[in-house]
Amino acid sequence: MQTWQMQTAKARFSDVVRSAKVNRHYWKPTSDCRKINKIAKSKNRFPIKSNGPQDFTVHGKSVAVVVSRDLFDRLSGNTQSLVEFMQHSPLYGMDDLVFDRNPSLTHEVNL
């Protein structure tokens, strides 16, 4: 995992996001990383050491990590879309379902 100081990460955010892309088998520099490094070198910027999660630090302490969408979905168990989730609801297809609603326009709130 590469570590970035926050100010460097902000200045090179698109590079950070591109480098967060995950190699499915293991994290190592890929051809994309080498291409980014070639461009960075030509612009006198720091090279990107690896693809995979990118660690952000402030005053030397880790504060955030940027990961690819693919890795986030795998770690969070998010394997279905919202539509698929709703279609698997026990209430799906119940056309006669009625919710009681308070018809008043406003209500008082005590602060």
PDB file of N, CA and C in Angstrom:
ATOM      1  N   MET A   1       0.849  -1.174   0.000  1.00  0.00           N
ATOM      2  CA  MET A   1       0.000   0.000   0.000  1.00  0.00           C
ATOM      3  C   MET A   1       0.894   1.236   0.000  1.00  0.00           C
ATOM      4  N   GLN A   2       0.593   2.148  -0.896  1.00  0.00           N
ATOM      5  CA  GLN A   2       1.368   3.382  -0.942  1.00  0.00           C
ATOM      6  C   GLN A   2       0.771   4.400   0.023  1.00  0.00           C
ATOM      7  N   THR A   3       1.638   5.157   0.667  1.00  0.00           N
ATOM      8  CA  THR A   3       1.216   6.201   1.595  1.00  0.00           C
ATOM      9  C   THR A   3       1.425   7.564   0.949  1.00  0.00           C
ATOM     10  N   TRP A   4       0.412   8.413   1.078  1.00  0.00           N
ATOM     11  CA  TRP A   4       0.450   9.764   0.516  1.00  0.00           C
ATOM     12  C   TRP A   4       0.227  10.779   1.625  1.00  0.00           C
ATOM     13  N   GLN A   5       0.988  11.851   1.638  1.00  0.00           N
ATOM     14  CA  GLN A   5       0.647  12.966   2.506  1.00  0.00           C
ATOM     15  C   GLN A   5      -0.594  13.621   1.910  1.00  0.00           C
ATOM     16  N   MET A   6      -1.471  14.124   2.766  1.00  0.00           N
ATOM     17  CA  MET A   6      -2.751  14.652   2.306  1.00  0.00           C
ATOM     18  C   MET A   6      -2.585  15.724   1.218  1.00  0.00           C
ATOM     19  N   GLN A   7      -1.657  16.661   1.406  1.00  0.00           N
ATOM     20  CA  GLN A   7      -1.514  17.729   0.413  1.00  0.00           C
ATOM     21  C   GLN A   7      -1.048  17.186  -0.935  1.00  0.00           C
ATOM     22  N   THR A   8      -0.212  16.166  -0.945  1.00  0.00           N
ATOM     23  CA  THR A   8       0.224  15.547  -2.200  1.00  0.00           C
ATOM     24  C   THR A   8      -0.931  14.792  -2.840  1.00  0.00           C
ATOM     25  N   ALA A   9      -1.703  14.085  -2.020  1.00  0.00           N
ATOM     26  CA  ALA A   9      -2.845  13.326  -2.538  1.00  0.00           C
ATOM     27  C   ALA A   9      -3.883  14.260  -3.154  1.00  0.00           C
ATOM     28  N   LYS A  10      -4.109  15.417  -2.528  1.00  0.00           N
ATOM     29  CA  LYS A  10      -5.061  16.375  -3.082  1.00  0.00           C
ATOM     30  C   LYS A  10      -4.568  16.915  -4.421  1.00  0.00           C
ATOM     31  N   ALA A  11      -3.291  17.201  -4.505  1.00  0.00           N
ATOM     32  CA  ALA A  11      -2.726  17.749  -5.739  1.00  0.00           C
ATOM     33  C   ALA A  11      -2.723  16.724  -6.866  1.00  0.00           C
ATOM     34  N   ARG A  12      -2.604  15.453  -6.518  1.00  0.00           N
ATOM     35  CA  ARG A  12      -2.509  14.391  -7.537  1.00  0.00           C
ATOM     36  C   ARG A  12      -3.660  13.401  -7.412  1.00  0.00           C
ATOM     37  N   PHE A  13      -4.850  13.894  -7.078  1.00  0.00           N
ATOM     38  CA  PHE A  13      -5.969  13.013  -6.777  1.00  0.00           C
ATOM     39  C   PHE A  13      -6.293  12.047  -7.917  1.00  0.00           C
ATOM     40  N   SER A  14      -6.267  12.505  -9.152  1.00  0.00           N
ATOM     41  CA  SER A  14      -6.583  11.600 -10.262  1.00  0.00           C
ATOM     42  C   SER A  14      -5.559  10.469 -10.348  1.00  0.00           C
ATOM     43  N   ASP A  15      -4.290  10.757 -10.061  1.00  0.00           N
ATOM     44  CA  ASP A  15      -3.263   9.706 -10.039  1.00  0.00           C
ATOM     45  C   ASP A  15      -3.525   8.718  -8.906  1.00  0.00           C
ATOM     46  N   VAL A  16      -3.927   9.238  -7.750  1.00  0.00           N
ATOM     47  CA  VAL A  16      -4.212   8.381  -6.598  1.00  0.00           C
ATOM     48  C   VAL A  16      -5.360   7.428  -6.915  1.00  0.00           C
ATOM     49  N   VAL A  17      -6.418   7.959  -7.508  1.00  0.00           N
ATOM     50  CA  VAL A  17      -7.584   7.122  -7.832  1.00  0.00           C
ATOM     51  C   VAL A  17      -7.205   6.073  -8.869  1.00  0.00           C
ATOM     52  N   ARG A  18      -6.458   6.475  -9.900  1.00  0.00           N
ATOM     53  CA  ARG A  18      -6.024   5.491 -10.908  1.00  0.00           C
ATOM     54  C   ARG A  18      -5.171   4.398 -10.283  1.00  0.00           C
ATOM     55  N   SER A  19      -4.319   4.759  -9.338  1.00  0.00           N
ATOM     56  CA  SER A  19      -3.433   3.767  -8.738  1.00  0.00           C
ATOM     57  C   SER A  19      -4.146   2.888  -7.721  1.00  0.00           C
ATOM     58  N   ALA A  20      -5.365   3.258  -7.325  1.00  0.00           N
ATOM     59  CA  ALA A  20      -6.130   2.421  -6.395  1.00  0.00           C
ATOM     60  C   ALA A  20      -6.738   1.212  -7.091  1.00  0.00           C
ATOM     61  N   LYS A  21      -6.637   1.181  -8.412  1.00  0.00           N
ATOM     62  CA  LYS A  21      -7.166   0.046  -9.171  1.00  0.00           C
ATOM     63  C   LYS A  21      -6.501  -1.240  -8.692  1.00  0.00           C
ATOM     64  N   VAL A  22      -7.298  -2.292  -8.542  1.00  0.00           N
ATOM     65  CA  VAL A  22      -6.800  -3.537  -7.965  1.00  0.00           C
ATOM     66  C   VAL A  22      -6.455  -4.555  -9.034  1.00  0.00           C
ATOM     67  N   ASN A  23      -5.280  -5.153  -8.900  1.00  0.00           N
ATOM     68  CA  ASN A  23      -4.936  -6.332  -9.662  1.00  0.00           C
ATOM     69  C   ASN A  23      -5.598  -7.498  -8.920  1.00  0.00           C
ATOM     70  N   ARG A  24      -6.464  -8.247  -9.563  1.00  0.00           N
ATOM     71  CA  ARG A  24      -7.288  -9.254  -8.879  1.00  0.00           C
ATOM     72  C   ARG A  24      -6.492 -10.302  -8.092  1.00  0.00           C
ATOM     73  N   HIS A  25      -5.315 -10.690  -8.551  1.00  0.00           N
ATOM     74  CA  HIS A  25      -4.585 -11.769  -7.898  1.00  0.00           C
ATOM     75  C   HIS A  25      -3.736 -11.278  -6.731  1.00  0.00           C
ATOM     76  N   TYR A  26      -3.011 -10.224  -6.931  1.00  0.00           N
ATOM     77  CA  TYR A  26      -2.201  -9.641  -5.870  1.00  0.00           C
ATOM     78  C   TYR A  26      -1.811  -8.250  -6.315  1.00  0.00           C
ATOM     79  N   TRP A  27      -1.452  -7.420  -5.352  1.00  0.00           N
ATOM     80  CA  TRP A  27      -1.106  -6.041  -5.670  1.00  0.00           C
ATOM     81  C   TRP A  27       0.353  -5.945  -6.058  1.00  0.00           C
ATOM     82  N   LYS A  28       0.622  -5.407  -7.222  1.00  0.00           N
ATOM     83  CA  LYS A  28       1.974  -5.175  -7.692  1.00  0.00           C
ATOM     84  C   LYS A  28       1.913  -4.078  -8.745  1.00  0.00           C
ATOM     85  N   PRO A  29       3.018  -3.447  -9.052  1.00  0.00           N
ATOM     86  CA  PRO A  29       2.991  -2.451 -10.122  1.00  0.00           C
ATOM     87  C   PRO A  29       2.570  -3.099 -11.433  1.00  0.00           C
ATOM     88  N   THR A  30       1.609  -2.516 -12.104  1.00  0.00           N
ATOM     89  CA  THR A  30       1.141  -3.040 -13.380  1.00  0.00           C
ATOM     90  C   THR A  30       1.581  -2.101 -14.492  1.00  0.00           C
ATOM     91  N   SER A  31       1.223  -2.446 -15.704  1.00  0.00           N
ATOM     92  CA  SER A  31       1.590  -1.582 -16.830  1.00  0.00           C
ATOM     93  C   SER A  31       0.972  -0.203 -16.671  1.00  0.00           C
ATOM     94  N   ASP A  32      -0.260  -0.123 -16.103  1.00  0.00           N
ATOM     95  CA  ASP A  32      -0.888   1.183 -15.860  1.00  0.00           C
ATOM     96  C   ASP A  32      -0.034   2.010 -14.913  1.00  0.00           C
ATOM     97  N   CYS A  33       0.469   1.371 -13.862  1.00  0.00           N
ATOM     98  CA  CYS A  33       1.315   2.064 -12.890  1.00  0.00           C
ATOM     99  C   CYS A  33       2.582   2.564 -13.571  1.00  0.00           C
ATOM    100  N   ARG A  34       3.165   1.752 -14.431  1.00  0.00           N
ATOM    101  CA  ARG A  34       4.381   2.163 -15.140  1.00  0.00           C
ATOM    102  C   ARG A  34       4.099   3.331 -16.087  1.00  0.00           C
ATOM    103  N   LYS A  35       2.930   3.318 -16.753  1.00  0.00           N
ATOM    104  CA  LYS A  35       2.560   4.428 -17.637  1.00  0.00           C
ATOM    105  C   LYS A  35       2.410   5.721 -16.840  1.00  0.00           C
ATOM    106  N   ILE A  36       1.735   5.643 -15.703  1.00  0.00           N
ATOM    107  CA  ILE A  36       1.552   6.816 -14.852  1.00  0.00           C
ATOM    108  C   ILE A  36       2.906   7.330 -14.385  1.00  0.00           C
ATOM    109  N   ASN A  37       3.799   6.411 -14.005  1.00  0.00           N
ATOM    110  CA  ASN A  37       5.127   6.821 -13.535  1.00  0.00           C
ATOM    111  C   ASN A  37       5.923   7.505 -14.644  1.00  0.00           C
ATOM    112  N   LYS A  38       5.784   7.025 -15.882  1.00  0.00           N
ATOM    113  CA  LYS A  38       6.505   7.641 -16.994  1.00  0.00           C
ATOM    114  C   LYS A  38       6.023   9.078 -17.186  1.00  0.00           C
ATOM    115  N   ILE A  39       4.712   9.288 -17.113  1.00  0.00           N
ATOM    116  CA  ILE A  39       4.142  10.632 -17.232  1.00  0.00           C
ATOM    117  C   ILE A  39       4.583  11.486 -16.043  1.00  0.00           C
ATOM    118  N   ALA A  40       4.513  10.918 -14.830  1.00  0.00           N
ATOM    119  CA  ALA A  40       4.904  11.657 -13.625  1.00  0.00           C
ATOM    120  C   ALA A  40       6.366  12.076 -13.698  1.00  0.00           C
ATOM    121  N   LYS A  41       7.209  11.170 -14.177  1.00  0.00           N
ATOM    122  CA  LYS A  41       8.637  11.481 -14.276  1.00  0.00           C
ATOM    123  C   LYS A  41       8.877  12.620 -15.257  1.00  0.00           C
ATOM    124  N   SER A  42       8.144  12.615 -16.363  1.00  0.00           N
ATOM    125  CA  SER A  42       8.309  13.683 -17.350  1.00  0.00           C
ATOM    126  C   SER A  42       7.837  15.028 -16.812  1.00  0.00           C
ATOM    127  N   LYS A  43       6.954  15.020 -15.791  1.00  0.00           N
ATOM    128  CA  LYS A  43       6.455  16.266 -15.211  1.00  0.00           C
ATOM    129  C   LYS A  43       7.102  16.565 -13.854  1.00  0.00           C
ATOM    130  N   ASN A  44       8.219  15.867 -13.564  1.00  0.00           N
ATOM    131  CA  ASN A  44       8.945  16.048 -12.298  1.00  0.00           C
ATOM    132  C   ASN A  44       8.058  15.816 -11.075  1.00  0.00           C
ATOM    133  N   ARG A  45       7.266  14.757 -11.109  1.00  0.00           N
ATOM    134  CA  ARG A  45       6.425  14.391  -9.974  1.00  0.00           C
ATOM    135  C   ARG A  45       6.949  13.100  -9.367  1.00  0.00           C
ATOM    136  N   PHE A  46       6.445  12.785  -8.165  1.00  0.00           N
ATOM    137  CA  PHE A  46       6.864  11.563  -7.490  1.00  0.00           C
ATOM    138  C   PHE A  46       6.245  10.358  -8.186  1.00  0.00           C
ATOM    139  N   PRO A  47       6.961   9.253  -8.297  1.00  0.00           N
ATOM    140  CA  PRO A  47       6.391   8.061  -8.931  1.00  0.00           C
ATOM    141  C   PRO A  47       5.377   7.370  -8.016  1.00  0.00           C
ATOM    142  N   ILE A  48       4.502   6.622  -8.644  1.00  0.00           N
ATOM    143  CA  ILE A  48       3.541   5.811  -7.907  1.00  0.00           C
ATOM    144  C   ILE A  48       4.159   4.439  -7.728  1.00  0.00           C
ATOM    145  N   LYS A  49       4.228   3.964  -6.489  1.00  0.00           N
ATOM    146  CA  LYS A  49       4.946   2.729  -6.197  1.00  0.00           C
ATOM    147  C   LYS A  49       4.121   1.484  -6.471  1.00  0.00           C
ATOM    148  N   SER A  50       2.813   1.541  -6.237  1.00  0.00           N
ATOM    149  CA  SER A  50       2.028   0.330  -6.412  1.00  0.00           C
ATOM    150  C   SER A  50       0.561   0.644  -6.641  1.00  0.00           C
ATOM    151  N   ASN A  51      -0.112  -0.335  -7.240  1.00  0.00           N
ATOM    152  CA  ASN A  51      -1.557  -0.261  -7.353  1.00  0.00           C
ATOM    153  C   ASN A  51      -2.148  -0.895  -6.105  1.00  0.00           C
ATOM    154  N   GLY A  52      -3.428  -0.677  -5.874  1.00  0.00           N
ATOM    155  CA  GLY A  52      -4.091  -1.201  -4.692  1.00  0.00           C
ATOM    156  C   GLY A  52      -4.466  -0.067  -3.762  1.00  0.00           C
ATOM    157  N   PRO A  53      -4.847  -0.370  -2.527  1.00  0.00           N
ATOM    158  CA  PRO A  53      -5.265   0.674  -1.591  1.00  0.00           C
ATOM    159  C   PRO A  53      -4.203   1.763  -1.435  1.00  0.00           C
ATOM    160  N   GLN A  54      -4.659   3.004  -1.339  1.00  0.00           N
ATOM    161  CA  GLN A  54      -3.779   4.161  -1.202  1.00  0.00           C
ATOM    162  C   GLN A  54      -4.076   4.819   0.141  1.00  0.00           C
ATOM    163  N   ASP A  55      -3.073   4.914   0.992  1.00  0.00           N
ATOM    164  CA  ASP A  55      -3.216   5.423   2.363  1.00  0.00           C
ATOM    165  C   ASP A  55      -2.930   6.923   2.407  1.00  0.00           C
ATOM    166  N   PHE A  56      -3.827   7.711   3.035  1.00  0.00           N
ATOM    167  CA  PHE A  56      -3.624   9.147   3.209  1.00  0.00           C
ATOM    168  C   PHE A  56      -3.190   9.407   4.638  1.00  0.00           C
ATOM    169  N   THR A  57      -2.183  10.276   4.804  1.00  0.00           N
ATOM    170  CA  THR A  57      -1.724  10.616   6.155  1.00  0.00           C
ATOM    171  C   THR A  57      -1.781  12.126   6.367  1.00  0.00           C
ATOM    172  N   VAL A  58      -2.000  12.504   7.629  1.00  0.00           N
ATOM    173  CA  VAL A  58      -1.920  13.895   8.064  1.00  0.00           C
ATOM    174  C   VAL A  58      -1.046  13.898   9.310  1.00  0.00           C
ATOM    175  N   HIS A  59       0.016  14.669   9.266  1.00  0.00           N
ATOM    176  CA  HIS A  59       0.991  14.730  10.362  1.00  0.00           C
ATOM    177  C   HIS A  59       1.523  13.340  10.709  1.00  0.00           C
ATOM    178  N   GLY A  60       1.715  12.512   9.679  1.00  0.00           N
ATOM    179  CA  GLY A  60       2.298  11.189   9.862  1.00  0.00           C
ATOM    180  C   GLY A  60       1.337  10.112  10.334  1.00  0.00           C
ATOM    181  N   LYS A  61       0.057  10.461  10.546  1.00  0.00           N
ATOM    182  CA  LYS A  61      -0.927   9.469  11.005  1.00  0.00           C
ATOM    183  C   LYS A  61      -1.905   9.146   9.882  1.00  0.00           C
ATOM    184  N   SER A  62      -2.173   7.858   9.713  1.00  0.00           N
ATOM    185  CA  SER A  62      -3.108   7.420   8.687  1.00  0.00           C
ATOM    186  C   SER A  62      -4.515   7.916   9.020  1.00  0.00           C
ATOM    187  N   VAL A  63      -5.166   8.565   8.030  1.00  0.00           N
ATOM    188  CA  VAL A  63      -6.504   9.105   8.277  1.00  0.00           C
ATOM    189  C   VAL A  63      -7.549   8.565   7.306  1.00  0.00           C
ATOM    190  N   ALA A  64      -7.119   8.059   6.156  1.00  0.00           N
ATOM    191  CA  ALA A  64      -8.077   7.566   5.167  1.00  0.00           C
ATOM    192  C   ALA A  64      -7.376   6.619   4.204  1.00  0.00           C
ATOM    193  N   VAL A  65      -8.188   5.775   3.563  1.00  0.00           N
ATOM    194  CA  VAL A  65      -7.666   4.853   2.553  1.00  0.00           C
ATOM    195  C   VAL A  65      -8.593   4.910   1.348  1.00  0.00           C
ATOM    196  N   VAL A  66      -8.023   5.030   0.162  1.00  0.00           N
ATOM    197  CA  VAL A  66      -8.787   4.983  -1.085  1.00  0.00           C
ATOM    198  C   VAL A  66      -8.597   3.600  -1.675  1.00  0.00           C
ATOM    199  N   VAL A  67      -9.712   2.931  -1.967  1.00  0.00           N
ATOM    200  CA  VAL A  67      -9.664   1.603  -2.587  1.00  0.00           C
ATOM    201  C   VAL A  67     -10.499   1.630  -3.855  1.00  0.00           C
ATOM    202  N   SER A  68     -10.279   0.668  -4.725  1.00  0.00           N
ATOM    203  CA  SER A  68     -11.058   0.586  -5.962  1.00  0.00           C
ATOM    204  C   SER A  68     -12.497   0.190  -5.629  1.00  0.00           C
ATOM    205  N   ARG A  69     -13.396   0.487  -6.549  1.00  0.00           N
ATOM    206  CA  ARG A  69     -14.800   0.113  -6.368  1.00  0.00           C
ATOM    207  C   ARG A  69     -14.938  -1.397  -6.278  1.00  0.00           C
ATOM    208  N   ASP A  70     -14.180  -2.112  -7.096  1.00  0.00           N
ATOM    209  CA  ASP A  70     -14.221  -3.573  -7.102  1.00  0.00           C
ATOM    210  C   ASP A  70     -13.854  -4.137  -5.726  1.00  0.00           C
ATOM    211  N   LEU A  71     -12.773  -3.624  -5.145  1.00  0.00           N
ATOM    212  CA  LEU A  71     -12.354  -4.098  -3.830  1.00  0.00           C
ATOM    213  C   LEU A  71     -13.371  -3.714  -2.760  1.00  0.00           C
ATOM    214  N   PHE A  72     -13.902  -2.502  -2.824  1.00  0.00           N
ATOM    215  CA  PHE A  72     -14.912  -2.071  -1.862  1.00  0.00           C
ATOM    216  C   PHE A  72     -16.127  -2.989  -1.901  1.00  0.00           C
ATOM    217  N   ASP A  73     -16.612  -3.296  -3.114  1.00  0.00           N
ATOM    218  CA  ASP A  73     -17.775  -4.180  -3.248  1.00  0.00           C
ATOM    219  C   ASP A  73     -17.491  -5.563  -2.686  1.00  0.00           C
ATOM    220  N   ARG A  74     -16.293  -6.089  -2.943  1.00  0.00           N
ATOM    221  CA  ARG A  74     -15.950  -7.418  -2.415  1.00  0.00           C
ATOM    222  C   ARG A  74     -15.865  -7.407  -0.900  1.00  0.00           C
ATOM    223  N   LEU A  75     -15.268  -6.359  -0.327  1.00  0.00           N
ATOM    224  CA  LEU A  75     -15.121  -6.302   1.134  1.00  0.00           C
ATOM    225  C   LEU A  75     -16.434  -6.018   1.852  1.00  0.00           C
ATOM    226  N   SER A  76     -17.306  -5.234   1.223  1.00  0.00           N
ATOM    227  CA  SER A  76     -18.564  -4.871   1.871  1.00  0.00           C
ATOM    228  C   SER A  76     -19.670  -5.892   1.629  1.00  0.00           C
ATOM    229  N   GLY A  77     -19.424  -6.842   0.737  1.00  0.00           N
ATOM    230  CA  GLY A  77     -20.444  -7.847   0.442  1.00  0.00           C
ATOM    231  C   GLY A  77     -21.559  -7.293  -0.434  1.00  0.00           C
ATOM    232  N   ASN A  78     -21.332  -6.155  -1.058  1.00  0.00           N
ATOM    233  CA  ASN A  78     -22.323  -5.523  -1.918  1.00  0.00           C
ATOM    234  C   ASN A  78     -22.300  -6.198  -3.278  1.00  0.00           C
ATOM    235  N   THR A  79     -23.101  -7.247  -3.425  1.00  0.00           N
ATOM    236  CA  THR A  79     -23.061  -8.006  -4.674  1.00  0.00           C
ATOM    237  C   THR A  79     -24.278  -7.767  -5.546  1.00  0.00           C
ATOM    238  N   GLN A  80     -25.257  -7.010  -5.055  1.00  0.00           N
ATOM    239  CA  GLN A  80     -26.450  -6.774  -5.855  1.00  0.00           C
ATOM    240  C   GLN A  80     -26.803  -5.291  -5.878  1.00  0.00           C
ATOM    241  N   SER A  81     -27.528  -4.905  -6.913  1.00  0.00           N
ATOM    242  CA  SER A  81     -27.940  -3.515  -7.047  1.00  0.00           C
ATOM    243  C   SER A  81     -29.129  -3.251  -6.120  1.00  0.00           C
ATOM    244  N   LEU A  82     -29.489  -1.979  -5.978  1.00  0.00           N
ATOM    245  CA  LEU A  82     -30.641  -1.613  -5.155  1.00  0.00           C
ATOM    246  C   LEU A  82     -31.917  -2.228  -5.720  1.00  0.00           C
ATOM    247  N   VAL A  83     -32.047  -2.245  -7.035  1.00  0.00           N
ATOM    248  CA  VAL A  83     -33.227  -2.822  -7.671  1.00  0.00           C
ATOM    249  C   VAL A  83     -33.323  -4.310  -7.337  1.00  0.00           C
ATOM    250  N   GLU A  84     -32.207  -5.031  -7.440  1.00  0.00           N
ATOM    251  CA  GLU A  84     -32.216  -6.462  -7.100  1.00  0.00           C
ATOM    252  C   GLU A  84     -32.553  -6.670  -5.628  1.00  0.00           C
ATOM    253  N   PHE A  85     -32.023  -5.821  -4.763  1.00  0.00           N
ATOM    254  CA  PHE A  85     -32.323  -5.910  -3.338  1.00  0.00           C
ATOM    255  C   PHE A  85     -33.818  -5.730  -3.086  1.00  0.00           C
ATOM    256  N   MET A  86     -34.418  -4.710  -3.715  1.00  0.00           N
ATOM    257  CA  MET A  86     -35.846  -4.445  -3.520  1.00  0.00           C
ATOM    258  C   MET A  86     -36.704  -5.577  -4.097  1.00  0.00           C
ATOM    259  N   GLN A  87     -36.272  -6.175  -5.205  1.00  0.00           N
ATOM    260  CA  GLN A  87     -37.034  -7.261  -5.809  1.00  0.00           C
ATOM    261  C   GLN A  87     -37.020  -8.522  -4.949  1.00  0.00           C
ATOM    262  N   HIS A  88     -36.034  -8.658  -4.074  1.00  0.00           N
ATOM    263  CA  HIS A  88     -35.975  -9.810  -3.177  1.00  0.00           C
ATOM    264  C   HIS A  88     -36.666  -9.548  -1.842  1.00  0.00           C
ATOM    265  N   SER A  89     -37.280  -8.383  -1.692  1.00  0.00           N
ATOM    266  CA  SER A  89     -37.996  -8.041  -0.466  1.00  0.00           C
ATOM    267  C   SER A  89     -39.235  -8.917  -0.331  1.00  0.00           C
ATOM    268  N   PRO A  90     -39.604  -9.290   0.902  1.00  0.00           N
ATOM    269  CA  PRO A  90     -40.837 -10.067   1.089  1.00  0.00           C
ATOM    270  C   PRO A  90     -42.087  -9.268   0.700  1.00  0.00           C
ATOM    271  N   LEU A  91     -41.973  -7.946   0.602  1.00  0.00           N
ATOM    272  CA  LEU A  91     -43.122  -7.112   0.230  1.00  0.00           C
ATOM    273  C   LEU A  91     -43.236  -6.900  -1.279  1.00  0.00           C
ATOM    274  N   TYR A  92     -42.264  -7.392  -2.040  1.00  0.00           N
ATOM    275  CA  TYR A  92     -42.261  -7.188  -3.491  1.00  0.00           C
ATOM    276  C   TYR A  92     -43.491  -7.846  -4.117  1.00  0.00           C
ATOM    277  N   GLY A  93     -44.204  -7.091  -4.941  1.00  0.00           N
ATOM    278  CA  GLY A  93     -45.367  -7.616  -5.652  1.00  0.00           C
ATOM    279  C   GLY A  93     -46.669  -7.500  -4.886  1.00  0.00           C
ATOM    280  N   MET A  94     -46.639  -6.965  -3.690  1.00  0.00           N
ATOM    281  CA  MET A  94     -47.873  -6.802  -2.911  1.00  0.00           C
ATOM    282  C   MET A  94     -48.535  -5.491  -3.329  1.00  0.00           C
ATOM    283  N   ASP A  95     -49.444  -5.570  -4.306  1.00  0.00           N
ATOM    284  CA  ASP A  95     -50.093  -4.374  -4.832  1.00  0.00           C
ATOM    285  C   ASP A  95     -51.120  -3.799  -3.864  1.00  0.00           C
ATOM    286  N   ASP A  96     -51.653  -4.618  -2.969  1.00  0.00           N
ATOM    287  CA  ASP A  96     -52.687  -4.143  -2.051  1.00  0.00           C
ATOM    288  C   ASP A  96     -52.105  -3.625  -0.730  1.00  0.00           C
ATOM    289  N   LEU A  97     -50.819  -3.437  -0.660  1.00  0.00           N
ATOM    290  CA  LEU A  97     -50.164  -2.941   0.547  1.00  0.00           C
ATOM    291  C   LEU A  97     -50.500  -1.459   0.744  1.00  0.00           C
ATOM    292  N   VAL A  98     -51.037  -1.118   1.942  1.00  0.00           N
ATOM    293  CA  VAL A  98     -51.438   0.252   2.241  1.00  0.00           C
ATOM    294  C   VAL A  98     -50.710   0.705   3.498  1.00  0.00           C
ATOM    295  N   PHE A  99     -50.107   1.883   3.440  1.00  0.00           N
ATOM    296  CA  PHE A  99     -49.447   2.471   4.596  1.00  0.00           C
ATOM    297  C   PHE A  99     -50.319   3.582   5.156  1.00  0.00           C
ATOM    298  N   ASP A 100     -50.515   3.587   6.493  1.00  0.00           N
ATOM    299  CA  ASP A 100     -51.257   4.664   7.133  1.00  0.00           C
ATOM    300  C   ASP A 100     -50.380   5.900   7.147  1.00  0.00           C
ATOM    301  N   ARG A 101     -50.987   7.040   6.812  1.00  0.00           N
ATOM    302  CA  ARG A 101     -50.242   8.278   6.748  1.00  0.00           C
ATOM    303  C   ARG A 101     -50.984   9.349   7.507  1.00  0.00           C
ATOM    304  N   ASN A 102     -50.252  10.150   8.255  1.00  0.00           N
ATOM    305  CA  ASN A 102     -50.833  11.275   8.971  1.00  0.00           C
ATOM    306  C   ASN A 102     -51.109  12.374   7.953  1.00  0.00           C
ATOM    307  N   PRO A 103     -52.375  12.741   7.748  1.00  0.00           N
ATOM    308  CA  PRO A 103     -52.704  13.720   6.708  1.00  0.00           C
ATOM    309  C   PRO A 103     -52.399  15.182   7.076  1.00  0.00           C
ATOM    310  N   SER A 104     -52.033  15.434   8.332  1.00  0.00           N
ATOM    311  CA  SER A 104     -51.768  16.816   8.727  1.00  0.00           C
ATOM    312  C   SER A 104     -50.513  17.346   8.010  1.00  0.00           C
ATOM    313  N   LEU A 105     -50.500  18.672   7.776  1.00  0.00           N
ATOM    314  CA  LEU A 105     -49.411  19.265   7.035  1.00  0.00           C
ATOM    315  C   LEU A 105     -48.170  19.482   7.886  1.00  0.00           C
ATOM    316  N   THR A 106     -48.364  19.895   9.122  1.00  0.00           N
ATOM    317  CA  THR A 106     -47.220  20.153  10.003  1.00  0.00           C
ATOM    318  C   THR A 106     -47.519  19.642  11.397  1.00  0.00           C
ATOM    319  N   HIS A 107     -46.472  19.604  12.214  1.00  0.00           N
ATOM    320  CA  HIS A 107     -46.666  19.275  13.611  1.00  0.00           C
ATOM    321  C   HIS A 107     -45.711  20.108  14.449  1.00  0.00           C
ATOM    322  N   GLU A 108     -46.056  20.319  15.710  1.00  0.00           N
ATOM    323  CA  GLU A 108     -45.224  21.134  16.587  1.00  0.00           C
ATOM    324  C   GLU A 108     -44.027  20.367  17.100  1.00  0.00           C
ATOM    325  N   VAL A 109     -42.917  21.080  17.190  1.00  0.00           N
ATOM    326  CA  VAL A 109     -41.697  20.485  17.718  1.00  0.00           C
ATOM    327  C   VAL A 109     -41.248  21.350  18.888  1.00  0.00           C
ATOM    328  N   ASN A 110     -41.063  20.713  20.042  1.00  0.00           N
ATOM    329  CA  ASN A 110     -40.578  21.438  21.222  1.00  0.00           C
ATOM    330  C   ASN A 110     -39.056  21.361  21.249  1.00  0.00           C
ATOM    331  N   LEU A 111     -38.426  22.542  21.240  1.00  0.00           N
ATOM    332  CA  LEU A 111     -36.956  22.583  21.267  1.00  0.00           C
ATOM    333  C   LEU A 111     -36.442  22.859  22.645  1.00  0.00           C
TER     334      LEU A 111
END
